[in-house]
């Protein structure tokens, strides 16, 4: 599924892959993320500490060694919240490789992702990122990635929203998926993190049909 590579081929996997995403501060949306694979190895990180560290409308996704993979930047002015993604460090004159915007249809909560290139691709993100329960679909309406609440298997509890799971289907670009997570956090995260900075842990209902 080569069509799933948008940012970096090195972060596509032959089998379905489960990443753990940890928000490294609870007080301000977008302050930082670290992402680990199932072996506990660091895969991605985002650092934007301090009010003057970087333009608040711009975030950079790096690999474990600090190499910049993708920059996401809010487009201004924009009627609907619209963000653009750039491969590597964004520089003046460089063209974006994808854009993200809320659906303009009243009553619809989905987010549309347009990938530029030849041919272009379009993805839809449906569900609630605030609740850490959403799915990324390709143009054929096939699920290519999912964001789900993280479960502590030993304690049988659903962990707080500052740590969650990112499931990648085979061949889908993990760096691209994490770039979308950064945008979703900015679009949806402000009110959630101002209101909810306390631990959020829930027991699992053994009869529940939820899957993680």
N, C-alpha and C. Protein backbone atom coordinates (compact mmCIF):
# COMPACT_ATOMS: atom_id res chain seq x y z
N UNK A 1 0.85 -1.20 0.00
CA UNK A 1 0.00 0.00 0.00
C UNK A 1 0.88 1.24 0.00
N UNK A 2 1.56 1.49 -1.10
CA UNK A 2 2.48 2.60 -1.20
C UNK A 2 1.78 3.94 -1.11
N UNK A 3 0.45 3.96 -1.42
CA UNK A 3 -0.30 5.19 -1.34
C UNK A 3 -0.38 5.74 0.06
N UNK A 4 -0.04 4.90 1.07
CA UNK A 4 -0.10 5.35 2.44
C UNK A 4 1.11 6.14 2.88
N UNK A 5 2.14 6.24 2.02
CA UNK A 5 3.35 6.97 2.37
C UNK A 5 3.20 8.42 1.95
N UNK A 6 3.22 9.32 2.93
CA UNK A 6 3.06 10.74 2.65
C UNK A 6 4.30 11.52 3.08
N UNK A 7 4.83 11.19 4.26
CA UNK A 7 5.96 11.92 4.82
C UNK A 7 7.26 11.13 4.73
N UNK A 8 7.26 9.89 5.24
CA UNK A 8 8.51 9.15 5.38
C UNK A 8 8.26 7.65 5.28
N UNK A 9 8.89 7.01 4.30
CA UNK A 9 8.70 5.58 4.08
C UNK A 9 9.22 4.74 5.24
N UNK A 10 10.19 5.26 6.00
CA UNK A 10 10.79 4.51 7.09
C UNK A 10 9.87 4.26 8.26
N UNK A 11 8.68 4.88 8.27
CA UNK A 11 7.74 4.69 9.37
C UNK A 11 6.46 4.00 8.91
N UNK A 12 6.59 3.19 7.86
CA UNK A 12 5.51 2.29 7.46
C UNK A 12 5.90 0.89 7.89
N UNK A 13 4.90 0.08 8.18
CA UNK A 13 5.17 -1.25 8.74
C UNK A 13 4.38 -2.30 7.98
N UNK A 14 4.96 -3.51 7.89
CA UNK A 14 4.33 -4.59 7.15
C UNK A 14 3.14 -5.18 7.89
N UNK A 15 3.14 -5.06 9.22
CA UNK A 15 2.05 -5.58 10.02
C UNK A 15 1.38 -4.44 10.77
N UNK A 16 0.15 -4.66 11.23
CA UNK A 16 -0.51 -3.64 12.02
C UNK A 16 0.34 -3.31 13.24
N UNK A 17 0.53 -2.03 13.49
CA UNK A 17 1.46 -1.58 14.52
C UNK A 17 0.74 -0.73 15.56
N UNK A 18 1.10 -0.93 16.81
CA UNK A 18 0.49 -0.22 17.92
C UNK A 18 1.54 0.68 18.55
N UNK A 19 1.28 1.99 18.54
CA UNK A 19 2.17 2.97 19.17
C UNK A 19 1.47 3.56 20.39
N UNK A 20 2.25 3.90 21.40
CA UNK A 20 1.72 4.57 22.59
C UNK A 20 2.13 6.02 22.55
N UNK A 21 1.16 6.92 22.62
CA UNK A 21 1.40 8.36 22.54
C UNK A 21 1.21 8.96 23.94
N UNK A 22 2.23 9.66 24.41
CA UNK A 22 2.18 10.27 25.75
C UNK A 22 2.28 11.77 25.61
N UNK A 23 1.27 12.47 26.13
CA UNK A 23 1.31 13.94 26.16
C UNK A 23 2.16 14.33 27.36
N UNK A 24 3.24 15.07 27.13
CA UNK A 24 4.25 15.26 28.17
C UNK A 24 3.96 16.40 29.12
N UNK A 25 2.87 17.14 28.89
CA UNK A 25 2.39 18.09 29.88
C UNK A 25 0.89 18.20 29.73
N UNK A 26 0.18 18.44 30.82
CA UNK A 26 -1.28 18.48 30.78
C UNK A 26 -1.84 19.89 30.75
N UNK A 27 -0.98 20.90 30.86
CA UNK A 27 -1.50 22.24 31.10
C UNK A 27 -1.80 23.04 29.85
N UNK A 28 -1.08 22.80 28.77
CA UNK A 28 -1.32 23.55 27.54
C UNK A 28 -1.31 22.59 26.36
N UNK A 29 -2.33 22.62 25.49
CA UNK A 29 -2.36 21.74 24.32
C UNK A 29 -1.13 21.93 23.45
N UNK A 30 -0.57 20.82 23.00
CA UNK A 30 0.54 20.89 22.07
C UNK A 30 1.90 21.12 22.70
N UNK A 31 2.00 21.14 24.04
CA UNK A 31 3.29 21.41 24.66
C UNK A 31 4.32 20.33 24.38
N UNK A 32 3.90 19.10 24.23
CA UNK A 32 4.88 18.06 23.92
C UNK A 32 4.25 16.70 23.83
N UNK A 33 4.88 15.83 23.05
CA UNK A 33 4.47 14.44 22.92
C UNK A 33 5.72 13.57 22.84
N UNK A 34 5.62 12.37 23.36
CA UNK A 34 6.59 11.32 23.07
C UNK A 34 5.81 10.10 22.63
N UNK A 35 6.36 9.36 21.66
CA UNK A 35 5.66 8.22 21.08
C UNK A 35 6.59 7.01 21.12
N UNK A 36 6.06 5.89 21.63
CA UNK A 36 6.86 4.68 21.81
C UNK A 36 6.22 3.51 21.06
N UNK A 37 7.08 2.57 20.63
CA UNK A 37 6.55 1.34 20.03
C UNK A 37 6.30 0.31 21.12
N UNK A 38 5.88 -0.89 20.73
CA UNK A 38 5.50 -1.91 21.71
C UNK A 38 6.70 -2.42 22.51
N UNK A 39 7.93 -2.14 22.04
CA UNK A 39 9.13 -2.53 22.77
C UNK A 39 9.58 -1.46 23.75
N UNK A 40 8.85 -0.34 23.82
CA UNK A 40 9.23 0.75 24.69
C UNK A 40 10.29 1.65 24.11
N UNK A 41 10.55 1.54 22.80
CA UNK A 41 11.56 2.36 22.14
C UNK A 41 10.93 3.66 21.64
N UNK A 42 11.64 4.78 21.80
CA UNK A 42 11.15 6.07 21.34
C UNK A 42 11.11 6.09 19.81
N UNK A 43 9.97 6.50 19.26
CA UNK A 43 9.79 6.57 17.80
C UNK A 43 9.71 8.02 17.34
N UNK A 44 8.86 8.82 17.99
CA UNK A 44 8.67 10.23 17.64
C UNK A 44 8.69 11.07 18.91
N UNK A 45 8.97 12.37 18.72
CA UNK A 45 8.83 13.31 19.82
C UNK A 45 8.50 14.70 19.28
N UNK A 46 7.83 15.47 20.13
CA UNK A 46 7.47 16.85 19.81
C UNK A 46 7.79 17.67 21.03
N UNK A 47 8.62 18.69 20.88
CA UNK A 47 8.99 19.57 22.00
C UNK A 47 8.61 20.99 21.63
N UNK A 48 7.82 21.63 22.49
CA UNK A 48 7.48 23.04 22.25
C UNK A 48 7.24 23.73 23.59
N UNK A 49 8.19 23.55 24.50
CA UNK A 49 8.02 24.08 25.84
C UNK A 49 8.25 25.59 25.89
N UNK A 50 7.49 26.23 26.77
CA UNK A 50 7.71 27.66 27.00
C UNK A 50 6.93 28.52 26.04
N UNK A 51 6.49 29.70 26.48
CA UNK A 51 5.66 30.57 25.64
C UNK A 51 6.40 31.13 24.44
N UNK A 52 7.73 31.19 24.51
CA UNK A 52 8.48 31.79 23.41
C UNK A 52 9.29 30.77 22.63
N UNK A 53 9.06 29.47 22.91
CA UNK A 53 9.88 28.45 22.27
C UNK A 53 9.63 28.39 20.76
N UNK A 54 8.38 28.60 20.35
CA UNK A 54 8.03 28.50 18.93
C UNK A 54 6.67 29.15 18.73
N UNK A 55 6.45 29.60 17.52
CA UNK A 55 5.12 30.09 17.17
C UNK A 55 4.08 29.05 17.58
N UNK A 56 3.08 29.46 18.36
CA UNK A 56 2.07 28.52 18.84
C UNK A 56 1.26 27.91 17.70
N UNK A 57 1.30 28.52 16.53
CA UNK A 57 0.60 27.97 15.39
C UNK A 57 1.45 27.04 14.57
N UNK A 58 2.58 26.58 15.12
CA UNK A 58 3.48 25.71 14.37
C UNK A 58 4.09 24.66 15.30
N UNK A 59 4.07 23.40 14.88
CA UNK A 59 4.64 22.30 15.65
C UNK A 59 5.50 21.44 14.73
N UNK A 60 6.57 20.88 15.29
CA UNK A 60 7.49 20.06 14.51
C UNK A 60 7.53 18.65 15.08
N UNK A 61 7.31 17.66 14.23
CA UNK A 61 7.43 16.26 14.61
C UNK A 61 8.84 15.78 14.27
N UNK A 62 9.52 15.20 15.27
CA UNK A 62 10.88 14.71 15.08
C UNK A 62 10.94 13.20 15.31
N UNK A 63 11.98 12.59 14.76
CA UNK A 63 12.21 11.18 15.08
C UNK A 63 12.98 11.09 16.40
N UNK A 64 13.37 9.89 16.79
CA UNK A 64 14.00 9.68 18.09
C UNK A 64 15.32 10.44 18.22
N UNK A 65 16.00 10.67 17.11
CA UNK A 65 17.29 11.35 17.15
C UNK A 65 17.18 12.86 17.02
N UNK A 66 15.97 13.38 16.87
CA UNK A 66 15.77 14.82 16.77
C UNK A 66 15.72 15.34 15.35
N UNK A 67 15.71 14.45 14.36
CA UNK A 67 15.62 14.86 12.96
C UNK A 67 14.19 15.28 12.65
N UNK A 68 14.01 16.45 12.05
CA UNK A 68 12.67 16.97 11.75
C UNK A 68 12.05 16.18 10.59
N UNK A 69 10.86 15.63 10.84
CA UNK A 69 10.16 14.85 9.82
C UNK A 69 9.09 15.66 9.12
N UNK A 70 8.29 16.37 9.90
CA UNK A 70 7.18 17.14 9.32
C UNK A 70 6.86 18.32 10.23
N UNK A 71 6.51 19.43 9.63
CA UNK A 71 6.07 20.62 10.35
C UNK A 71 4.62 20.88 10.02
N UNK A 72 3.79 21.07 11.04
CA UNK A 72 2.39 21.44 10.80
C UNK A 72 2.20 22.88 11.26
N UNK A 73 1.48 23.65 10.45
CA UNK A 73 1.33 25.07 10.71
C UNK A 73 -0.10 25.51 10.42
N UNK A 74 -0.67 26.31 11.32
CA UNK A 74 -2.01 26.82 11.10
C UNK A 74 -1.98 27.86 9.99
N UNK A 75 -2.93 27.72 9.06
CA UNK A 75 -3.02 28.67 7.95
C UNK A 75 -3.89 29.84 8.37
N UNK A 76 -3.38 31.04 8.22
CA UNK A 76 -4.14 32.25 8.57
C UNK A 76 -4.15 33.19 7.36
N UNK A 77 -5.27 33.88 7.11
CA UNK A 77 -6.57 33.68 7.74
C UNK A 77 -7.24 32.43 7.19
N UNK A 78 -8.19 31.87 7.94
CA UNK A 78 -8.90 30.67 7.51
C UNK A 78 -10.29 30.67 8.12
N UNK A 79 -11.31 30.50 7.28
CA UNK A 79 -12.69 30.50 7.77
C UNK A 79 -12.91 29.32 8.72
N UNK A 80 -12.49 28.14 8.29
CA UNK A 80 -12.53 26.97 9.16
C UNK A 80 -11.10 26.73 9.62
N UNK A 81 -10.93 26.17 10.81
CA UNK A 81 -9.55 25.90 11.25
C UNK A 81 -8.88 25.03 10.19
N UNK A 82 -7.84 25.56 9.59
CA UNK A 82 -7.14 24.84 8.53
C UNK A 82 -5.65 24.82 8.84
N UNK A 83 -5.06 23.65 8.75
CA UNK A 83 -3.63 23.48 9.00
C UNK A 83 -2.97 22.88 7.77
N UNK A 84 -1.68 23.17 7.60
CA UNK A 84 -0.92 22.62 6.49
C UNK A 84 0.30 21.88 7.03
N UNK A 85 0.68 20.81 6.34
CA UNK A 85 1.84 20.02 6.72
C UNK A 85 2.94 20.14 5.68
N UNK A 86 4.17 20.30 6.17
CA UNK A 86 5.34 20.46 5.30
C UNK A 86 6.35 19.37 5.64
N UNK A 87 6.97 18.80 4.64
CA UNK A 87 8.00 17.79 4.88
C UNK A 87 9.25 18.47 5.43
N UNK A 88 9.76 17.97 6.55
CA UNK A 88 10.95 18.55 7.18
C UNK A 88 10.65 19.90 7.80
N UNK A 89 11.67 20.75 7.89
CA UNK A 89 11.49 22.10 8.43
C UNK A 89 10.76 22.97 7.41
N UNK A 90 9.75 23.67 7.87
CA UNK A 90 9.03 24.58 6.97
C UNK A 90 9.89 25.80 6.70
N UNK A 91 10.04 26.15 5.44
CA UNK A 91 10.76 27.36 5.05
C UNK A 91 9.89 28.15 4.09
N UNK A 92 10.13 29.45 4.03
CA UNK A 92 9.34 30.30 3.14
C UNK A 92 9.46 29.82 1.70
N UNK A 93 8.33 29.72 1.05
CA UNK A 93 8.31 29.30 -0.35
C UNK A 93 8.11 27.81 -0.54
N UNK A 94 8.31 27.03 0.53
CA UNK A 94 8.12 25.58 0.41
C UNK A 94 6.63 25.26 0.38
N UNK A 95 6.23 24.37 -0.52
CA UNK A 95 4.83 24.03 -0.67
C UNK A 95 4.43 22.95 0.33
N UNK A 96 3.21 23.03 0.88
CA UNK A 96 2.75 21.99 1.81
C UNK A 96 2.52 20.68 1.09
N UNK A 97 2.60 19.57 1.84
CA UNK A 97 2.33 18.25 1.26
C UNK A 97 0.94 17.76 1.62
N UNK A 98 0.31 18.39 2.64
CA UNK A 98 -1.08 18.06 2.95
C UNK A 98 -1.72 19.21 3.71
N UNK A 99 -3.05 19.20 3.74
CA UNK A 99 -3.79 20.19 4.53
C UNK A 99 -4.88 19.48 5.31
N UNK A 100 -5.28 20.07 6.44
CA UNK A 100 -6.29 19.49 7.32
C UNK A 100 -7.30 20.58 7.64
N UNK A 101 -8.59 20.25 7.56
CA UNK A 101 -9.62 21.23 7.89
C UNK A 101 -10.84 20.53 8.48
N UNK A 102 -11.56 21.25 9.33
CA UNK A 102 -12.84 20.75 9.82
C UNK A 102 -13.82 20.69 8.66
N UNK A 103 -14.75 19.75 8.74
CA UNK A 103 -15.82 19.69 7.74
C UNK A 103 -16.65 20.96 7.81
N UNK A 104 -17.01 21.50 6.65
CA UNK A 104 -17.81 22.71 6.61
C UNK A 104 -19.31 22.41 6.64
N UNK A 105 -19.66 21.11 6.71
CA UNK A 105 -21.07 20.73 6.72
C UNK A 105 -21.60 20.85 8.14
N UNK A 106 -22.69 21.60 8.31
CA UNK A 106 -23.27 21.82 9.63
C UNK A 106 -23.72 20.49 10.23
N UNK A 107 -23.34 20.27 11.48
CA UNK A 107 -23.74 19.06 12.17
C UNK A 107 -22.82 17.88 11.94
N UNK A 108 -21.80 18.07 11.11
CA UNK A 108 -20.86 16.98 10.84
C UNK A 108 -19.57 17.25 11.58
N UNK A 109 -19.06 16.25 12.31
CA UNK A 109 -17.90 16.45 13.17
C UNK A 109 -16.60 15.93 12.55
N UNK A 110 -16.64 15.53 11.28
CA UNK A 110 -15.46 14.95 10.68
C UNK A 110 -14.44 16.01 10.29
N UNK A 111 -13.22 15.55 10.06
CA UNK A 111 -12.12 16.39 9.61
C UNK A 111 -11.64 15.84 8.28
N UNK A 112 -11.40 16.71 7.33
CA UNK A 112 -10.94 16.31 6.00
C UNK A 112 -9.45 16.57 5.84
N UNK A 113 -8.74 15.59 5.30
CA UNK A 113 -7.30 15.71 5.06
C UNK A 113 -7.06 15.56 3.56
N UNK A 114 -6.44 16.56 2.97
CA UNK A 114 -6.13 16.52 1.53
C UNK A 114 -4.61 16.41 1.36
N UNK A 115 -4.19 15.38 0.65
CA UNK A 115 -2.77 15.17 0.36
C UNK A 115 -2.50 15.66 -1.05
N UNK A 116 -1.51 16.54 -1.19
CA UNK A 116 -1.18 17.09 -2.50
C UNK A 116 -0.21 16.17 -3.22
N UNK A 117 -0.23 16.23 -4.51
CA UNK A 117 0.68 15.41 -5.31
C UNK A 117 -0.05 14.89 -6.52
N UNK A 118 0.57 13.93 -7.20
CA UNK A 118 -0.01 13.40 -8.42
C UNK A 118 -0.04 11.88 -8.33
N UNK A 119 -1.20 11.24 -8.09
CA UNK A 119 -2.48 11.93 -7.86
C UNK A 119 -2.63 12.34 -6.40
N UNK A 120 -3.53 13.28 -6.14
CA UNK A 120 -3.81 13.68 -4.77
C UNK A 120 -4.67 12.63 -4.07
N UNK A 121 -4.66 12.65 -2.77
CA UNK A 121 -5.46 11.72 -1.98
C UNK A 121 -6.27 12.51 -0.96
N UNK A 122 -7.33 11.90 -0.47
CA UNK A 122 -8.13 12.54 0.56
C UNK A 122 -8.47 11.52 1.64
N UNK A 123 -8.37 11.95 2.88
CA UNK A 123 -8.70 11.12 4.03
C UNK A 123 -9.76 11.83 4.87
N UNK A 124 -10.55 11.06 5.59
CA UNK A 124 -11.53 11.60 6.54
C UNK A 124 -11.19 11.08 7.93
N UNK A 125 -11.29 11.96 8.91
CA UNK A 125 -11.11 11.56 10.30
C UNK A 125 -12.45 11.72 11.00
N UNK A 126 -12.99 10.63 11.50
CA UNK A 126 -14.31 10.65 12.11
C UNK A 126 -14.23 10.14 13.55
N UNK A 127 -15.10 10.67 14.40
CA UNK A 127 -15.10 10.30 15.81
C UNK A 127 -14.71 11.49 16.67
N UNK A 128 -14.32 11.21 17.90
CA UNK A 128 -13.99 12.26 18.87
C UNK A 128 -12.54 12.14 19.33
N UNK A 129 -11.70 13.08 18.87
CA UNK A 129 -10.32 13.06 19.37
C UNK A 129 -10.27 13.44 20.84
N UNK A 130 -11.15 14.34 21.28
CA UNK A 130 -11.19 14.74 22.69
C UNK A 130 -11.38 13.52 23.58
N UNK A 131 -12.21 12.57 23.12
CA UNK A 131 -12.43 11.33 23.88
C UNK A 131 -11.44 10.23 23.49
N UNK A 132 -10.51 10.57 22.62
CA UNK A 132 -9.50 9.59 22.14
C UNK A 132 -10.19 8.38 21.51
N UNK A 133 -11.10 8.66 20.62
CA UNK A 133 -11.83 7.59 19.94
C UNK A 133 -12.17 8.07 18.53
N UNK A 134 -11.25 7.91 17.60
CA UNK A 134 -11.52 8.33 16.22
C UNK A 134 -10.73 7.47 15.25
N UNK A 135 -11.17 7.52 14.00
CA UNK A 135 -10.62 6.65 12.96
C UNK A 135 -10.27 7.49 11.73
N UNK A 136 -9.15 7.17 11.11
CA UNK A 136 -8.74 7.81 9.85
C UNK A 136 -9.10 6.86 8.71
N UNK A 137 -9.90 7.36 7.76
CA UNK A 137 -10.32 6.57 6.60
C UNK A 137 -9.70 7.12 5.33
N UNK A 138 -9.36 6.20 4.40
CA UNK A 138 -8.90 6.65 3.10
C UNK A 138 -10.10 6.93 2.20
N UNK A 139 -9.83 7.26 0.94
CA UNK A 139 -10.90 7.65 0.02
C UNK A 139 -11.88 6.51 -0.25
N UNK A 140 -11.41 5.27 -0.05
CA UNK A 140 -12.27 4.10 -0.25
C UNK A 140 -13.03 3.74 1.02
N UNK A 141 -12.95 4.61 2.03
CA UNK A 141 -13.62 4.42 3.33
C UNK A 141 -13.06 3.21 4.08
N UNK A 142 -11.80 2.88 3.83
CA UNK A 142 -11.12 1.83 4.58
C UNK A 142 -10.34 2.46 5.73
N UNK A 143 -10.42 1.85 6.88
CA UNK A 143 -9.69 2.35 8.04
C UNK A 143 -8.19 2.15 7.85
N UNK A 144 -7.41 3.24 8.00
CA UNK A 144 -5.95 3.14 7.86
C UNK A 144 -5.24 3.39 9.19
N UNK A 145 -5.93 4.00 10.15
CA UNK A 145 -5.35 4.25 11.47
C UNK A 145 -6.47 4.55 12.46
N UNK A 146 -6.22 4.24 13.73
CA UNK A 146 -7.21 4.50 14.77
C UNK A 146 -6.53 5.08 16.00
N UNK A 147 -7.23 5.97 16.68
CA UNK A 147 -6.80 6.53 17.95
C UNK A 147 -7.76 6.01 19.01
N UNK A 148 -7.21 5.36 20.05
CA UNK A 148 -8.04 4.75 21.09
C UNK A 148 -7.46 5.02 22.46
N UNK A 149 -8.33 4.98 23.49
CA UNK A 149 -7.86 5.11 24.86
C UNK A 149 -6.92 3.95 25.18
N UNK A 150 -5.94 4.22 25.99
CA UNK A 150 -4.93 3.23 26.38
C UNK A 150 -5.42 2.44 27.59
N UNK A 151 -5.22 1.13 27.55
CA UNK A 151 -5.64 0.26 28.64
C UNK A 151 -4.42 -0.30 29.35
N UNK A 152 -4.42 -0.20 30.69
CA UNK A 152 -3.42 -0.86 31.51
C UNK A 152 -3.89 -2.29 31.72
N UNK A 153 -3.28 -3.22 31.00
CA UNK A 153 -3.75 -4.61 31.02
C UNK A 153 -3.63 -5.24 32.40
N UNK A 154 -2.60 -4.88 33.15
CA UNK A 154 -2.40 -5.49 34.46
C UNK A 154 -3.44 -5.04 35.47
N UNK A 155 -3.85 -3.77 35.39
CA UNK A 155 -4.82 -3.23 36.35
C UNK A 155 -6.24 -3.23 35.80
N UNK A 156 -6.39 -3.56 34.50
CA UNK A 156 -7.70 -3.58 33.84
C UNK A 156 -8.42 -2.24 33.97
N UNK A 157 -7.69 -1.14 33.68
CA UNK A 157 -8.30 0.18 33.71
C UNK A 157 -7.95 0.93 32.43
N UNK A 158 -8.84 1.84 32.05
CA UNK A 158 -8.59 2.74 30.93
C UNK A 158 -7.84 3.95 31.48
N UNK A 159 -6.69 4.25 30.90
CA UNK A 159 -5.85 5.33 31.42
C UNK A 159 -6.40 6.70 31.02
N UNK A 160 -5.81 7.75 31.58
CA UNK A 160 -6.23 9.11 31.29
C UNK A 160 -5.95 9.50 29.85
N UNK A 161 -6.51 10.63 29.44
CA UNK A 161 -6.43 11.06 28.04
C UNK A 161 -5.04 11.55 27.65
N UNK A 162 -4.14 11.73 28.63
CA UNK A 162 -2.79 12.17 28.29
C UNK A 162 -1.94 11.02 27.75
N UNK A 163 -2.42 9.80 27.80
CA UNK A 163 -1.72 8.67 27.18
C UNK A 163 -2.76 7.86 26.41
N UNK A 164 -2.47 7.63 25.11
CA UNK A 164 -3.44 6.93 24.28
C UNK A 164 -2.72 6.10 23.23
N UNK A 165 -3.48 5.29 22.52
CA UNK A 165 -2.91 4.36 21.54
C UNK A 165 -3.18 4.83 20.12
N UNK A 166 -2.18 4.64 19.26
CA UNK A 166 -2.32 4.91 17.83
C UNK A 166 -2.06 3.61 17.09
N UNK A 167 -3.09 3.08 16.44
CA UNK A 167 -2.98 1.85 15.68
C UNK A 167 -2.81 2.18 14.21
N UNK A 168 -1.78 1.62 13.58
CA UNK A 168 -1.49 1.86 12.17
C UNK A 168 -1.72 0.59 11.38
N UNK A 169 -2.51 0.69 10.32
CA UNK A 169 -2.70 -0.46 9.44
C UNK A 169 -1.44 -0.64 8.58
N UNK A 170 -1.20 -1.87 8.10
CA UNK A 170 0.01 -2.13 7.29
C UNK A 170 0.15 -1.15 6.13
N UNK A 171 1.34 -0.58 5.99
CA UNK A 171 1.64 0.30 4.87
C UNK A 171 1.29 1.75 5.08
N UNK A 172 0.60 2.09 6.18
CA UNK A 172 0.23 3.49 6.38
C UNK A 172 1.35 4.22 7.10
N UNK A 173 1.59 5.45 6.68
CA UNK A 173 2.72 6.26 7.13
C UNK A 173 2.52 6.73 8.58
N UNK A 174 3.33 6.21 9.51
CA UNK A 174 3.20 6.58 10.92
C UNK A 174 3.55 8.03 11.18
N UNK A 175 4.51 8.59 10.45
CA UNK A 175 4.88 9.99 10.63
C UNK A 175 3.73 10.90 10.18
N UNK A 176 3.07 10.53 9.10
CA UNK A 176 1.90 11.27 8.62
C UNK A 176 0.79 11.19 9.67
N UNK A 177 0.55 10.00 10.20
CA UNK A 177 -0.49 9.82 11.22
C UNK A 177 -0.22 10.69 12.43
N UNK A 178 1.02 10.75 12.88
CA UNK A 178 1.34 11.57 14.05
C UNK A 178 1.23 13.05 13.73
N UNK A 179 1.52 13.44 12.49
CA UNK A 179 1.30 14.83 12.08
C UNK A 179 -0.17 15.19 12.20
N UNK A 180 -1.04 14.25 11.86
CA UNK A 180 -2.48 14.49 12.00
C UNK A 180 -2.89 14.56 13.46
N UNK A 181 -2.26 13.74 14.32
CA UNK A 181 -2.54 13.80 15.76
C UNK A 181 -2.22 15.19 16.30
N UNK A 182 -1.11 15.78 15.87
CA UNK A 182 -0.73 17.11 16.34
C UNK A 182 -1.79 18.14 15.96
N UNK A 183 -2.30 18.04 14.73
CA UNK A 183 -3.33 18.99 14.28
C UNK A 183 -4.62 18.77 15.07
N UNK A 184 -5.03 17.52 15.25
CA UNK A 184 -6.24 17.23 16.01
C UNK A 184 -6.14 17.76 17.43
N UNK A 185 -4.98 17.64 18.03
CA UNK A 185 -4.78 18.14 19.39
C UNK A 185 -4.96 19.65 19.44
N UNK A 186 -4.48 20.34 18.42
CA UNK A 186 -4.62 21.80 18.38
C UNK A 186 -6.06 22.22 18.09
N UNK A 187 -6.73 21.52 17.18
CA UNK A 187 -8.09 21.88 16.82
C UNK A 187 -9.05 21.61 17.98
N UNK A 188 -8.86 20.47 18.66
CA UNK A 188 -9.83 20.00 19.64
C UNK A 188 -9.39 20.11 21.08
N UNK A 189 -8.10 20.36 21.32
CA UNK A 189 -7.57 20.15 22.65
C UNK A 189 -7.68 21.28 23.63
N UNK A 190 -7.88 22.52 23.18
CA UNK A 190 -7.80 23.66 24.08
C UNK A 190 -8.74 23.54 25.27
N UNK A 191 -10.04 23.43 25.01
CA UNK A 191 -11.01 23.39 26.10
C UNK A 191 -10.84 22.14 26.94
N UNK A 192 -10.50 21.01 26.29
CA UNK A 192 -10.39 19.75 27.00
C UNK A 192 -9.31 19.81 28.06
N UNK A 193 -8.14 20.37 27.71
CA UNK A 193 -7.03 20.34 28.65
C UNK A 193 -7.10 21.45 29.70
N UNK A 194 -7.79 22.52 29.41
CA UNK A 194 -8.00 23.53 30.44
C UNK A 194 -8.95 22.99 31.51
N UNK A 195 -9.97 22.25 31.06
CA UNK A 195 -10.99 21.76 31.98
C UNK A 195 -10.60 20.46 32.66
N UNK A 196 -9.72 19.68 32.05
CA UNK A 196 -9.45 18.34 32.55
C UNK A 196 -7.96 18.15 32.73
N UNK A 197 -7.42 18.58 33.87
CA UNK A 197 -6.00 18.41 34.15
C UNK A 197 -5.78 17.42 35.27
N UNK A 198 -6.86 16.80 35.76
CA UNK A 198 -6.74 15.82 36.83
C UNK A 198 -6.63 14.42 36.23
N UNK A 199 -6.10 13.43 37.00
CA UNK A 199 -6.01 12.06 36.49
C UNK A 199 -7.38 11.55 36.06
N UNK A 200 -7.40 10.81 34.96
CA UNK A 200 -8.66 10.34 34.39
C UNK A 200 -8.51 8.84 34.16
N UNK A 201 -8.87 8.06 35.14
CA UNK A 201 -8.69 6.62 35.07
C UNK A 201 -10.03 5.95 35.32
N UNK A 202 -10.39 5.00 34.47
CA UNK A 202 -11.69 4.35 34.59
C UNK A 202 -11.52 2.84 34.58
N UNK A 203 -12.28 2.11 35.41
CA UNK A 203 -12.24 0.65 35.34
C UNK A 203 -12.89 0.16 34.07
N UNK A 204 -12.43 -0.97 33.57
CA UNK A 204 -13.03 -1.56 32.37
C UNK A 204 -14.24 -2.39 32.76
N UNK A 205 -15.32 -2.17 32.05
CA UNK A 205 -16.50 -3.01 32.19
C UNK A 205 -16.25 -4.29 31.43
N UNK A 206 -16.20 -5.40 32.11
CA UNK A 206 -15.86 -6.67 31.47
C UNK A 206 -16.87 -7.04 30.39
N UNK A 207 -18.11 -6.47 30.48
CA UNK A 207 -19.12 -6.80 29.47
C UNK A 207 -19.10 -5.83 28.30
N UNK A 208 -18.18 -4.86 28.35
CA UNK A 208 -18.15 -3.85 27.30
C UNK A 208 -17.65 -4.44 25.99
N UNK A 209 -18.14 -3.87 24.89
CA UNK A 209 -17.70 -4.31 23.56
C UNK A 209 -16.57 -3.45 23.03
N UNK A 210 -16.04 -2.55 23.85
CA UNK A 210 -14.97 -1.67 23.39
C UNK A 210 -13.72 -2.48 23.13
N UNK A 211 -13.01 -2.14 22.08
CA UNK A 211 -11.74 -2.80 21.76
C UNK A 211 -10.64 -1.77 21.69
N UNK A 212 -9.43 -2.18 22.06
CA UNK A 212 -8.30 -1.25 22.10
C UNK A 212 -7.10 -1.89 21.43
